[in-house]
Protein backbone atom coordinates (compact mmCIF):
# COMPACT_ATOMS: atom_id res chain seq x y z
CA UNK A 1 13.52 16.96 -18.06
CA UNK A 2 16.60 14.78 -17.47
CA UNK A 3 16.80 16.23 -13.96
CA UNK A 4 13.15 15.41 -13.34
CA UNK A 5 13.67 11.87 -14.63
CA UNK A 6 16.69 11.35 -12.37
CA UNK A 7 14.71 12.54 -9.33
CA UNK A 8 11.82 10.22 -10.23
CA UNK A 9 14.27 7.33 -10.43
CA UNK A 10 16.06 8.17 -7.19
CA UNK A 11 12.76 8.65 -5.38
CA UNK A 12 11.54 5.29 -6.65
CA UNK A 13 14.70 3.61 -5.38
CA UNK A 14 14.78 5.33 -1.98
CA UNK A 15 11.06 5.04 -1.20
CA UNK A 16 10.92 1.28 -0.50
CA UNK A 17 14.24 1.37 1.35
CA UNK A 18 13.07 4.18 3.63
CA UNK A 19 9.62 2.56 3.92
CA UNK A 20 8.08 5.80 2.75
CA UNK A 21 5.77 6.12 -0.28
CA UNK A 22 7.84 6.95 -3.34
CA UNK A 23 5.70 10.03 -4.22
CA UNK A 24 6.59 11.64 -0.90
CA UNK A 25 10.31 11.03 -1.47
CA UNK A 26 10.00 12.47 -4.99
CA UNK A 27 8.21 15.52 -3.58
CA UNK A 28 10.95 16.03 -0.97
CA UNK A 29 13.70 15.66 -3.57
CA UNK A 30 11.98 18.26 -5.72
CA UNK A 31 11.81 20.69 -2.79
CA UNK A 32 15.51 20.24 -1.99
CA UNK A 33 16.73 20.49 -5.58
CA UNK A 34 14.45 23.47 -6.22
CA UNK A 35 16.63 25.66 -4.02
CA UNK A 36 19.94 24.57 -5.63
CA UNK A 37 21.19 27.39 -7.92
CA UNK A 38 21.20 26.33 -11.54
CA UNK A 39 19.17 23.19 -10.93
CA UNK A 40 15.87 24.46 -9.59
CA UNK A 41 14.91 26.61 -12.59
CA UNK A 42 12.38 24.05 -13.81
CA UNK A 43 8.90 25.54 -14.07
CA UNK A 44 5.53 23.80 -13.99
CA UNK A 45 3.45 25.41 -16.75
CA UNK A 46 -0.20 24.97 -15.71
CA UNK A 47 -1.23 24.10 -19.26
CA UNK A 48 1.20 21.15 -19.27
CA UNK A 49 -0.58 19.61 -16.28
CA UNK A 50 -4.09 20.42 -17.43
CA UNK A 51 -3.70 19.57 -21.13
CA UNK A 52 -0.93 16.90 -21.20
CA UNK A 53 -0.47 15.11 -17.88
CA UNK A 54 -4.08 15.14 -16.72
CA UNK A 55 -5.75 13.53 -19.79
CA UNK A 56 -3.12 10.78 -20.03
CA UNK A 57 -3.27 9.87 -16.34
CA UNK A 58 -7.06 10.01 -16.14
CA UNK A 59 -7.36 7.80 -19.21
CA UNK A 60 -5.04 5.13 -17.81
CA UNK A 61 -6.80 5.17 -14.46
CA UNK A 62 -10.21 4.88 -16.13
CA UNK A 63 -9.01 1.85 -18.09
CA UNK A 64 -8.11 0.23 -14.77
CA UNK A 65 -11.35 1.08 -12.98
CA UNK A 66 -14.15 -1.45 -12.64
CA UNK A 67 -17.26 -0.04 -14.32
CA UNK A 68 -19.38 -2.68 -12.60
CA UNK A 69 -18.14 -1.68 -9.15
CA UNK A 70 -18.48 2.00 -10.04
CA UNK A 71 -22.11 1.47 -10.99
CA UNK A 72 -22.78 -0.47 -7.78
CA UNK A 73 -21.33 2.39 -5.72
CA UNK A 74 -22.47 5.27 -7.93
CA UNK A 75 -24.39 7.01 -5.14
CA UNK A 76 -21.36 7.19 -2.86
CA UNK A 77 -19.09 8.19 -5.75
CA UNK A 78 -21.46 10.97 -6.81
CA UNK A 79 -21.74 12.26 -3.26
CA UNK A 80 -17.94 12.33 -2.99
CA UNK A 81 -17.15 13.68 -6.46
CA UNK A 82 -19.89 16.31 -6.60
CA UNK A 83 -21.40 16.86 -3.17
CA UNK A 84 -18.13 16.80 -1.24
CA UNK A 85 -16.43 19.06 -3.80
CA UNK A 86 -19.18 21.66 -3.41
CA UNK A 87 -19.08 21.46 0.39
CA UNK A 88 -15.27 21.63 0.52
CA UNK A 89 -15.28 24.63 -1.79
CA UNK A 90 -17.72 26.38 0.53
CA UNK A 91 -15.94 25.55 3.82
CA UNK A 92 -12.54 26.56 2.44
CA UNK A 93 -14.04 29.78 1.06
CA UNK A 94 -15.45 30.68 4.48
CA UNK A 95 -12.10 29.99 6.17
CA UNK A 96 -10.20 31.94 3.48
CA UNK A 97 -12.52 34.91 3.77
CA UNK A 98 -11.99 34.88 7.54
CA UNK A 99 -8.24 34.99 6.83
CA UNK A 100 -8.69 38.17 4.79
CA UNK A 101 -9.30 37.11 1.21
CA UNK A 102 -12.13 38.73 -0.70
CA UNK A 103 -15.14 36.50 -1.32
CA UNK A 104 -14.32 35.97 -5.04
CA UNK A 105 -10.73 34.94 -4.29
CA UNK A 106 -11.89 32.84 -1.34
CA UNK A 107 -14.14 30.88 -3.70
CA UNK A 108 -11.21 30.51 -6.12
CA UNK A 109 -9.12 28.97 -3.33
CA UNK A 110 -12.02 26.69 -2.40
CA UNK A 111 -12.32 25.42 -5.98
CA UNK A 112 -8.54 24.97 -6.24
CA UNK A 113 -8.38 22.78 -3.12
CA UNK A 114 -11.66 20.89 -3.55
CA UNK A 115 -10.50 17.94 -5.73
CA UNK A 116 -8.38 15.05 -4.53
CA UNK A 117 -5.32 14.12 -6.56
CA UNK A 118 -5.77 11.12 -8.88
CA UNK A 119 -2.03 10.37 -9.00
CA UNK A 120 -1.66 10.25 -5.22
CA UNK A 121 -4.82 8.18 -4.83
CA UNK A 122 -3.60 5.70 -7.46
CA UNK A 123 -0.47 5.09 -5.40
CA UNK A 124 -2.51 3.67 -2.51
CA UNK A 125 -5.69 2.39 -4.17
CA UNK A 126 -4.09 -0.87 -5.30
CA UNK A 127 -3.50 -1.89 -1.67
CA UNK A 128 -7.16 -1.59 -0.73
CA UNK A 129 -10.08 -4.00 -1.24
CA UNK A 130 -11.81 -3.72 -4.59
CA UNK A 131 -14.86 -1.76 -3.42
CA UNK A 132 -12.91 0.91 -1.51
CA UNK A 133 -10.28 1.11 -4.25
CA UNK A 134 -12.95 1.64 -6.92
CA UNK A 135 -14.67 4.37 -4.92
CA UNK A 136 -11.38 6.21 -4.38
CA UNK A 137 -10.33 5.90 -8.02
CA UNK A 138 -13.71 6.92 -9.41
CA UNK A 139 -14.00 9.87 -7.05
CA UNK A 140 -10.56 11.17 -7.97
CA UNK A 141 -11.35 10.73 -11.67
CA UNK A 142 -14.61 12.69 -11.58
CA UNK A 143 -14.12 15.36 -8.92
CA UNK A 144 -11.57 17.23 -11.06
CA UNK A 145 -14.38 17.94 -13.51
CA UNK A 146 -16.61 19.44 -10.81
CA UNK A 147 -13.82 21.49 -9.26
CA UNK A 148 -12.42 22.85 -12.52
CA UNK A 149 -15.90 23.95 -13.63
CA UNK A 150 -16.32 25.83 -10.35
CA UNK A 151 -12.79 27.18 -10.68
CA UNK A 152 -13.48 28.69 -14.12
CA UNK A 153 -16.54 30.51 -12.79
CA UNK A 154 -14.77 31.70 -9.63
CA UNK A 155 -11.76 33.04 -11.54
CA UNK A 156 -14.02 34.82 -14.02
CA UNK A 157 -15.81 36.58 -11.16
CA UNK A 158 -12.55 37.36 -9.33
CA UNK A 159 -10.99 39.12 -12.32
CA UNK A 160 -14.20 40.98 -13.12
CA UNK A 161 -14.96 39.25 -16.43
CA UNK A 162 -18.04 37.33 -15.36
CA UNK A 163 -21.23 38.01 -13.46
CA UNK A 164 -23.26 34.94 -12.64
CA UNK A 165 -25.60 33.76 -9.90
CA UNK A 166 -26.11 30.35 -8.26
CA UNK A 167 -28.56 29.32 -10.99
CA UNK A 168 -26.03 30.06 -13.69
CA UNK A 169 -23.36 28.08 -11.83
CA UNK A 170 -25.72 25.09 -11.60
CA UNK A 171 -26.45 25.28 -15.32
CA UNK A 172 -22.74 25.43 -16.11
CA UNK A 173 -22.08 22.35 -13.99
CA UNK A 174 -24.94 20.51 -15.67
CA UNK A 175 -23.69 21.41 -19.15
CA UNK A 176 -20.12 20.56 -18.14
CA UNK A 177 -21.11 17.03 -17.19
CA UNK A 178 -23.64 16.46 -19.99
CA UNK A 179 -21.25 17.80 -22.62
CA UNK A 180 -18.34 15.79 -21.26
CA UNK A 181 -20.37 12.57 -21.30
CA UNK A 182 -21.55 13.20 -24.85
CA UNK A 183 -18.07 13.97 -26.20
CA UNK A 184 -16.54 11.01 -24.36
CA UNK A 185 -19.07 8.56 -25.79
CA UNK A 186 -18.71 10.03 -29.28
CA UNK A 187 -14.91 9.73 -29.21
CA UNK A 188 -15.11 6.17 -27.86
CA UNK A 189 -17.46 5.22 -30.70
CA UNK A 190 -15.17 6.84 -33.26
CA UNK A 191 -12.13 5.02 -31.84
CA UNK A 192 -13.94 1.69 -32.09
CA UNK A 193 -14.86 2.34 -35.74
CA UNK A 194 -11.27 3.27 -36.62
CA UNK A 195 -9.80 0.31 -34.73
CA UNK A 196 -11.93 -2.12 -36.75
CA UNK A 197 -10.13 -0.93 -39.89
CA UNK A 198 -6.57 -0.89 -38.54
CA UNK A 199 -4.24 -3.85 -39.08
CA UNK A 200 -0.94 -2.34 -37.92
CA UNK A 201 0.06 -2.72 -34.27
CA UNK A 202 1.99 0.54 -34.32
CA UNK A 203 -0.92 2.52 -35.72
CA UNK A 204 -3.30 0.94 -33.22
CA UNK A 205 -1.06 2.04 -30.37
CA UNK A 206 -0.66 5.51 -31.85
CA UNK A 207 -4.45 5.78 -31.81
CA UNK A 208 -4.44 4.57 -28.19
CA UNK A 209 -2.01 7.32 -27.22
CA UNK A 210 -4.08 9.97 -29.00
CA UNK A 211 -7.42 8.83 -27.55
CA UNK A 212 -7.35 10.74 -24.21
CA UNK A 213 -6.42 13.98 -25.96
CA UNK A 214 -9.04 13.46 -28.66
CA UNK A 215 -11.57 13.22 -25.84
CA UNK A 216 -10.21 16.05 -23.68
CA UNK A 217 -9.53 18.89 -26.09
CA UNK A 218 -12.86 19.01 -28.01
CA UNK A 219 -14.78 18.93 -24.72
CA UNK A 220 -12.73 21.83 -23.39
CA UNK A 221 -13.24 23.78 -26.61
CA UNK A 222 -16.99 23.35 -26.15
CA UNK A 223 -16.65 24.55 -22.52
CA UNK A 224 -17.70 21.12 -21.30
CA UNK A 225 -15.66 18.98 -18.90
CA UNK A 226 -12.62 17.46 -20.56
CA UNK A 227 -12.05 15.41 -17.41
CA UNK A 228 -15.49 13.79 -17.60
CA UNK A 229 -15.04 13.23 -21.34
CA UNK A 230 -11.74 11.34 -20.86
CA UNK A 231 -13.13 9.23 -18.01
CA UNK A 232 -16.31 8.33 -19.90
CA UNK A 233 -14.31 7.51 -23.03
CA UNK A 234 -11.93 5.25 -21.08
CA UNK A 235 -14.73 3.46 -19.22
CA UNK A 236 -16.67 2.96 -22.46
CA UNK A 237 -13.63 1.43 -24.18
CA UNK A 238 -13.24 -1.10 -21.35
CA UNK A 239 -16.57 -2.56 -22.47
CA UNK A 240 -15.68 -3.27 -26.11
CA UNK A 241 -15.12 -6.93 -27.07
CA UNK A 242 -11.61 -8.21 -26.43
CA UNK A 243 -11.42 -9.45 -30.03
CA UNK A 244 -11.43 -5.85 -31.27
CA UNK A 245 -7.82 -5.40 -30.15
CA UNK A 246 -5.12 -7.92 -31.00
CA UNK A 247 -2.98 -9.49 -28.28
CA UNK A 248 0.24 -7.89 -29.54
CA UNK A 249 -1.41 -4.49 -29.42
CA UNK A 250 -2.63 -5.01 -25.85
CA UNK A 251 0.77 -6.20 -24.65
CA UNK A 252 2.53 -3.19 -26.14
CA UNK A 253 -0.18 -0.79 -24.98
CA UNK A 254 -0.20 -1.93 -21.36
CA UNK A 255 3.59 -1.86 -21.22
CA UNK A 256 3.65 1.66 -22.66
CA UNK A 257 0.92 3.05 -20.40
CA UNK A 258 2.31 1.32 -17.33
CA UNK A 259 5.71 2.95 -17.75
CA UNK A 260 4.31 6.27 -18.96
CA UNK A 261 1.90 6.61 -16.05
CA UNK A 262 4.70 5.85 -13.59
CA UNK A 263 6.93 8.51 -15.15
CA UNK A 264 4.13 11.08 -15.32
CA UNK A 265 3.07 10.42 -11.72
CA UNK A 266 6.62 10.69 -10.41
CA UNK A 267 7.31 13.76 -12.55
CA UNK A 268 4.26 15.53 -11.14
CA UNK A 269 5.40 15.04 -7.55
CA UNK A 270 8.93 16.18 -8.41
CA UNK A 271 7.61 19.22 -10.28
CA UNK A 272 5.32 20.13 -7.39
CA UNK A 273 8.34 20.07 -5.08
CA UNK A 274 10.39 22.16 -7.50
CA UNK A 275 7.74 24.89 -7.43
CA UNK A 276 8.26 25.73 -3.75
CA UNK A 277 11.02 28.20 -4.56
CA UNK A 278 8.70 29.87 -7.11
CA UNK A 279 5.97 30.18 -4.48
CA UNK A 280 8.24 31.64 -1.76
CA UNK A 281 10.53 33.70 -4.01
CA UNK A 282 10.51 37.43 -3.16
CA UNK A 283 8.33 37.08 -0.07
CA UNK A 284 9.33 38.40 3.33
CA UNK A 285 9.66 36.23 6.42
CA UNK A 286 6.49 37.73 7.86
CA UNK A 287 4.56 36.91 4.69
CA UNK A 288 5.85 33.33 4.72
CA UNK A 289 4.97 32.88 8.39
CA UNK A 290 1.49 34.28 7.83
CA UNK A 291 1.03 32.08 4.75
CA UNK A 292 2.18 29.00 6.66
CA UNK A 293 -0.35 29.64 9.42
CA UNK A 294 -3.08 30.15 6.86
CA UNK A 295 -2.08 26.94 5.03
CA UNK A 296 -2.22 24.91 8.25
CA UNK A 297 -5.64 26.28 9.09
CA UNK A 298 -7.03 25.64 5.61
CA UNK A 299 -5.48 22.16 5.54
CA UNK A 300 -7.25 21.41 8.82
CA UNK A 301 -10.53 22.64 7.31
CA UNK A 302 -10.01 20.45 4.21
CA UNK A 303 -9.27 17.33 6.28
CA UNK A 304 -12.07 17.88 8.79
CA UNK A 305 -14.60 18.60 6.05
CA UNK A 306 -13.85 15.27 4.39
CA UNK A 307 -13.96 13.41 7.70
CA UNK A 308 -17.26 15.01 8.65
CA UNK A 309 -18.75 14.30 5.22
CA UNK A 310 -17.62 10.68 5.23
CA UNK A 311 -19.10 10.07 8.67
CA UNK A 312 -22.43 11.87 8.30
CA UNK A 313 -23.73 11.13 4.79
CA UNK A 314 -23.90 7.35 5.44
CA UNK A 315 -26.37 7.95 8.27
CA UNK A 316 -28.47 10.24 6.07
CA UNK A 317 -28.55 7.50 3.41
CA UNK A 318 -29.53 4.91 6.00
CA UNK A 319 -32.39 7.09 7.21
CA UNK A 320 -33.69 7.65 3.67
CA UNK A 321 -33.03 4.26 2.11
CA UNK A 322 -33.97 1.19 4.12
CA UNK A 323 -34.04 -1.32 1.27
CA UNK A 324 -32.52 -4.75 2.08
CA UNK A 325 -29.98 -4.31 -0.73
CA UNK A 326 -28.82 -1.03 0.81
CA UNK A 327 -28.51 -2.59 4.27
CA UNK A 328 -26.24 -5.30 2.87
CA UNK A 329 -23.78 -2.65 1.61
CA UNK A 330 -23.45 -0.85 4.93
CA UNK A 331 -20.06 -0.74 6.61
CA UNK A 332 -19.01 0.18 10.13
CA UNK A 333 -17.28 3.28 11.42
CA UNK A 334 -13.79 1.80 11.13
CA UNK A 335 -14.27 0.61 7.56
CA UNK A 336 -15.29 4.13 6.45
CA UNK A 337 -12.12 5.83 7.65
CA UNK A 338 -9.66 4.89 4.85
CA UNK A 339 -11.98 6.53 2.32
CA UNK A 340 -12.48 9.55 4.57
CA UNK A 341 -8.75 9.91 5.26
CA UNK A 342 -7.48 9.54 1.68
CA UNK A 343 -7.99 13.18 0.76
CA UNK A 344 -4.64 14.03 -0.83
CA UNK A 345 -4.25 17.20 -2.85
CA UNK A 346 -1.67 17.46 -5.60
CA UNK A 347 -0.55 18.76 -8.96
CA UNK A 348 -3.98 19.68 -10.34
CA UNK A 349 -4.55 22.02 -7.40
CA UNK A 350 -1.13 23.61 -7.83
CA UNK A 351 -1.59 23.97 -11.60
CA UNK A 352 -4.95 25.64 -11.07
CA UNK A 353 -3.44 28.04 -8.53
CA UNK A 354 -0.55 28.92 -10.86
CA UNK A 355 -3.01 29.51 -13.70
CA UNK A 356 -4.83 32.27 -11.79
CA UNK A 357 -4.28 35.53 -13.76
CA UNK A 358 -1.85 37.98 -12.19
CA UNK A 359 -4.06 40.96 -13.07
CA UNK A 360 -7.76 41.68 -13.15
CA UNK A 361 -9.84 42.90 -16.11
CA UNK A 362 -8.62 46.47 -15.57
CA UNK A 363 -4.94 45.52 -15.56
CA UNK A 364 -4.49 45.92 -11.79
CA UNK A 365 -2.65 43.26 -9.75
CA UNK A 366 -5.10 40.61 -8.59
CA UNK A 367 -5.30 40.96 -4.82
CA UNK A 368 -4.89 37.73 -2.87
CA UNK A 369 -3.22 35.67 -5.61
CA UNK A 370 0.05 35.32 -3.68
CA UNK A 371 -1.75 34.08 -0.57
CA UNK A 372 -3.70 31.56 -2.65
CA UNK A 373 -0.43 30.18 -4.04
CA UNK A 374 1.16 29.88 -0.59
CA UNK A 375 -1.89 28.25 0.96
CA UNK A 376 -2.33 25.84 -1.95
CA UNK A 377 1.25 24.60 -1.76
CA UNK A 378 1.05 24.30 2.01
CA UNK A 379 -2.17 22.27 1.88
CA UNK A 380 -0.69 19.94 -0.75
CA UNK A 381 2.35 19.26 1.42
CA UNK A 382 0.31 18.78 4.60
CA UNK A 383 -2.16 16.36 3.05
CA UNK A 384 0.51 14.35 1.24
CA UNK A 385 2.79 14.10 4.26
CA UNK A 386 0.30 13.78 7.11
CA UNK A 387 -2.37 11.71 5.39
CA UNK A 388 0.00 9.89 3.04
CA UNK A 389 2.29 8.64 5.82
CA UNK A 390 -0.54 7.75 8.19
CA UNK A 391 -2.93 6.10 5.71
CA UNK A 392 -1.31 2.62 5.97
CA UNK A 393 -1.88 2.73 9.74
CA UNK A 394 -5.49 3.84 9.20
CA UNK A 395 -6.03 0.95 6.77
CA UNK A 396 -4.64 -1.54 9.29
CA UNK A 397 -6.80 -0.08 12.04
CA UNK A 398 -9.88 -0.23 9.82
CA UNK A 399 -9.57 -4.03 9.51
CA UNK A 400 -11.09 -3.99 6.06
CA UNK A 401 -12.50 -7.41 5.17
CA UNK A 402 -10.93 -9.37 2.35
CA UNK A 403 -12.74 -9.52 -0.96
CA UNK A 404 -12.93 -13.24 -1.87
CA UNK A 405 -15.17 -12.45 -4.81
CA UNK A 406 -12.33 -11.18 -6.98
CA UNK A 407 -10.33 -14.41 -6.61
CA UNK A 408 -13.41 -16.52 -7.22
CA UNK A 409 -14.26 -14.55 -10.37
CA UNK A 410 -10.69 -14.93 -11.63
CA UNK A 411 -10.83 -18.70 -11.07
CA UNK A 412 -14.25 -18.90 -12.76
CA UNK A 413 -12.93 -17.07 -15.82
CA UNK A 414 -9.97 -19.47 -16.08
CA UNK A 415 -12.23 -22.50 -15.73
CA UNK A 416 -14.71 -21.31 -18.35
CA UNK A 417 -11.90 -20.46 -20.75
CA UNK A 418 -10.38 -23.94 -20.36
CA UNK A 419 -13.78 -25.63 -20.74
CA UNK A 420 -14.52 -23.61 -23.88
CA UNK A 421 -11.17 -24.65 -25.34
CA UNK A 422 -11.84 -28.30 -24.54
CA UNK A 423 -15.30 -28.13 -26.11
CA UNK A 424 -13.86 -26.68 -29.33
CA UNK A 425 -10.74 -28.84 -29.38
CA UNK A 426 -12.05 -31.56 -31.73
CA UNK A 427 -13.58 -29.06 -34.15
CA UNK A 428 -10.48 -26.87 -34.33
CA UNK A 429 -8.21 -29.90 -34.64
CA UNK A 430 -10.24 -31.19 -37.56
CA UNK A 431 -10.18 -27.81 -39.28
CA UNK A 432 -6.40 -27.57 -38.91
CA UNK A 433 -5.81 -31.31 -39.57
CA UNK A 434 -3.89 -31.76 -36.34
CA UNK A 435 -2.68 -35.31 -35.53
CA UNK A 436 -4.51 -37.23 -32.80
CA UNK A 437 -1.36 -37.43 -30.70
CA UNK A 438 -1.20 -33.64 -30.49
CA UNK A 439 -4.90 -33.42 -29.63
CA UNK A 440 -4.49 -36.01 -26.86
CA UNK A 441 -1.50 -34.17 -25.40
CA UNK A 442 -3.33 -30.85 -25.43
CA UNK A 443 -6.45 -32.41 -23.90
CA UNK A 444 -4.32 -33.81 -21.07
CA UNK A 445 -2.86 -30.35 -20.45
CA UNK A 446 -6.32 -28.80 -20.23
CA UNK A 447 -7.54 -31.57 -17.92
CA UNK A 448 -4.57 -30.99 -15.62
CA UNK A 449 -5.26 -27.26 -15.62
CA UNK A 450 -8.92 -27.75 -14.75
CA UNK A 451 -8.02 -30.16 -11.98
CA UNK A 452 -5.57 -27.65 -10.51
CA UNK A 453 -8.21 -24.92 -10.56
CA UNK A 454 -10.73 -27.24 -8.92
CA UNK A 455 -8.29 -28.14 -6.15
CA UNK A 456 -7.38 -24.49 -5.59
CA UNK A 457 -11.08 -23.68 -5.36
CA UNK A 458 -11.60 -26.34 -2.71
CA UNK A 459 -8.80 -24.87 -0.60
CA UNK A 460 -10.04 -21.31 -0.94
CA UNK A 461 -13.63 -22.30 -0.18
CA UNK A 462 -12.67 -24.42 2.82
CA UNK A 463 -14.00 -27.61 1.22
CA UNK A 464 -10.71 -29.39 0.63
CA UNK A 465 -10.61 -33.13 -0.02
CA UNK A 466 -7.97 -35.73 0.78
CA UNK A 467 -4.86 -35.10 -1.24
CA UNK A 468 -5.78 -31.55 -2.28
CA UNK A 469 -2.91 -29.96 -0.43
CA UNK A 470 -0.44 -32.54 -1.75
CA UNK A 471 -1.67 -31.88 -5.30
CA UNK A 472 -1.29 -28.12 -4.88
CA UNK A 473 2.20 -28.53 -3.44
CA UNK A 474 3.19 -30.84 -6.30
CA UNK A 475 1.93 -28.32 -8.86
CA UNK A 476 3.78 -25.50 -7.10
CA UNK A 477 6.96 -27.58 -7.04
CA UNK A 478 6.66 -28.31 -10.75
CA UNK A 479 6.12 -24.61 -11.44
CA UNK A 480 9.21 -23.66 -9.44
CA UNK A 481 11.22 -26.26 -11.35
CA UNK A 482 10.02 -24.91 -14.70
CA UNK A 483 10.87 -21.36 -13.63
CA UNK A 484 14.34 -22.43 -12.51
CA UNK A 485 14.95 -24.20 -15.84
CA UNK A 486 14.14 -20.98 -17.68
CA UNK A 487 17.35 -19.48 -16.28
CA UNK A 488 19.33 -22.37 -17.79
CA UNK A 489 17.58 -21.82 -21.11
CA UNK A 490 18.50 -18.13 -21.03
CA UNK A 491 22.14 -18.86 -20.24
CA UNK A 492 22.32 -21.39 -23.10
CA UNK A 493 20.87 -18.94 -25.61
CA UNK A 494 23.15 -16.14 -24.37
CA UNK A 495 26.15 -18.45 -24.79
CA UNK A 496 25.18 -19.07 -28.41
CA UNK A 497 25.10 -15.33 -29.01
CA UNK A 498 28.49 -14.84 -27.34
CA UNK A 499 29.91 -17.56 -29.56
CA UNK A 500 28.44 -15.75 -32.61
CA UNK A 501 26.38 -18.84 -33.48
CA UNK A 502 23.10 -16.89 -33.43
CA UNK A 503 22.24 -13.29 -34.27
CA UNK A 504 21.24 -10.65 -31.70
CA UNK A 505 17.74 -10.48 -33.17
CA UNK A 506 17.33 -14.24 -32.79
CA UNK A 507 18.30 -13.84 -29.14
CA UNK A 508 15.68 -11.12 -28.69
CA UNK A 509 12.93 -13.30 -30.20
CA UNK A 510 13.88 -16.32 -28.07
CA UNK A 511 14.11 -14.17 -24.96
CA UNK A 512 10.63 -12.81 -25.67
CA UNK A 513 9.28 -16.36 -25.87
CA UNK A 514 11.00 -17.28 -22.61
CA UNK A 515 9.63 -14.13 -20.99
CA UNK A 516 6.10 -15.02 -22.08
CA UNK A 517 6.54 -18.50 -20.60
CA UNK A 518 7.80 -17.03 -17.33
CA UNK A 519 4.80 -14.70 -17.16
CA UNK A 520 2.48 -17.66 -17.76
CA UNK A 521 4.12 -19.70 -15.01
CA UNK A 522 4.40 -16.83 -12.53
CA UNK A 523 0.91 -15.45 -13.07
CA UNK A 524 -0.10 -11.82 -13.63
CA UNK A 525 1.56 -9.42 -11.19
CA UNK A 526 -0.63 -6.41 -10.41
CA UNK A 527 1.13 -3.08 -10.05
CA UNK A 528 0.29 -0.88 -7.06
């Protein structure tokens, strides 16, 4: 795991310098190192991805997905996460059967390649407007559940352990979703009840770490969708009152999940790259050439299916739904292309392919498994490289409109919070017996804050008044001065530690206070 961590780090450093997405650099490093004797013996156990990486990453992504936006775009998300998965499974199965796979194994390959990769999508979603970002995130969160349910049925048929018709498949999908939703809501409710009785930050964060697995594993044991359960649980927990979780707990939790998700994402790309030697080991040149051709063809089918789906279903919706509200949400051809082009495949597909049994129910080698592995890896590489490298250009070409609503909502929340504090100031001051001088100073601070927000709103709304720009510039100058002075504060405190006049732990506490002040002055920085 040290090797994987080093490759994640190196890829993260090289990516920005090469102006290439870090996941692609990490994938390439994994491919190169995978063929180095003694270094490339790292395996990717499918159960690690499906039962460890996947729940944790889906949970973090669901906590950072807007439930309101997901509801507003639920029809599109459902069409992408369910309808497109079914169509992609079918088109890939037809192409795979034409290439020589039996129908059962062709459907297995279709189910393996049907879902997009949540980790790859997360790497680009933060650079997109809120609506498109939410649709991409929500689709990638849910479509794993659809695809893995189809995959289980297809593998069962391929190995001769299951006989089921279309009606049975539909019932399994329905139960998978219904069961996943029920388990997810139940776990979320249980977590809320337990959190109300916890008063230890460490225990609260331990419960936060356990939550995605508490949602995933019971659902899987019931043969429901663990993916849907985790997503529903995460989305439900975003709706609980903020007062349920203490500030210290939230700070620690977000720091932990931010770092953990970055490490897990990078590790997945490195591990996918490391598996290339496993996929090609022992195969002849002719087999590799044939597998490469098949992978390119199937990758083309996957990409074209998504493009066709993304550019036909909107017109069907328009023909069936002519409500004014629906017309307001329509977008042009260009604006649809980033969503249609962001069809990356990744570690979940590879894990599913590696998890295909090597033998059938009678103990005979499962025909077509090797070709499925080769094609799966090839499609992953093609989609990540071709679509991943070209997506920024597609986004620029799409000329997606800015979303002023998010900034306005952020400013509104700040204003209402400041107004609420001002309204309660006298009452709280009386309760705490605070001197009038302190109350007056705090009131002046709140008034200045509200004035700054009002001026910023005028500038953003195009209704600026005389002196607004000067006031904003003065506030920005003061903020820069305060930030610069923080460095002098840090140097002074560090000098005291070097002179043994304060303890190391005192330095840590003061540094934490200075860090909090810097965050307040700098504003919240969103991670991509």
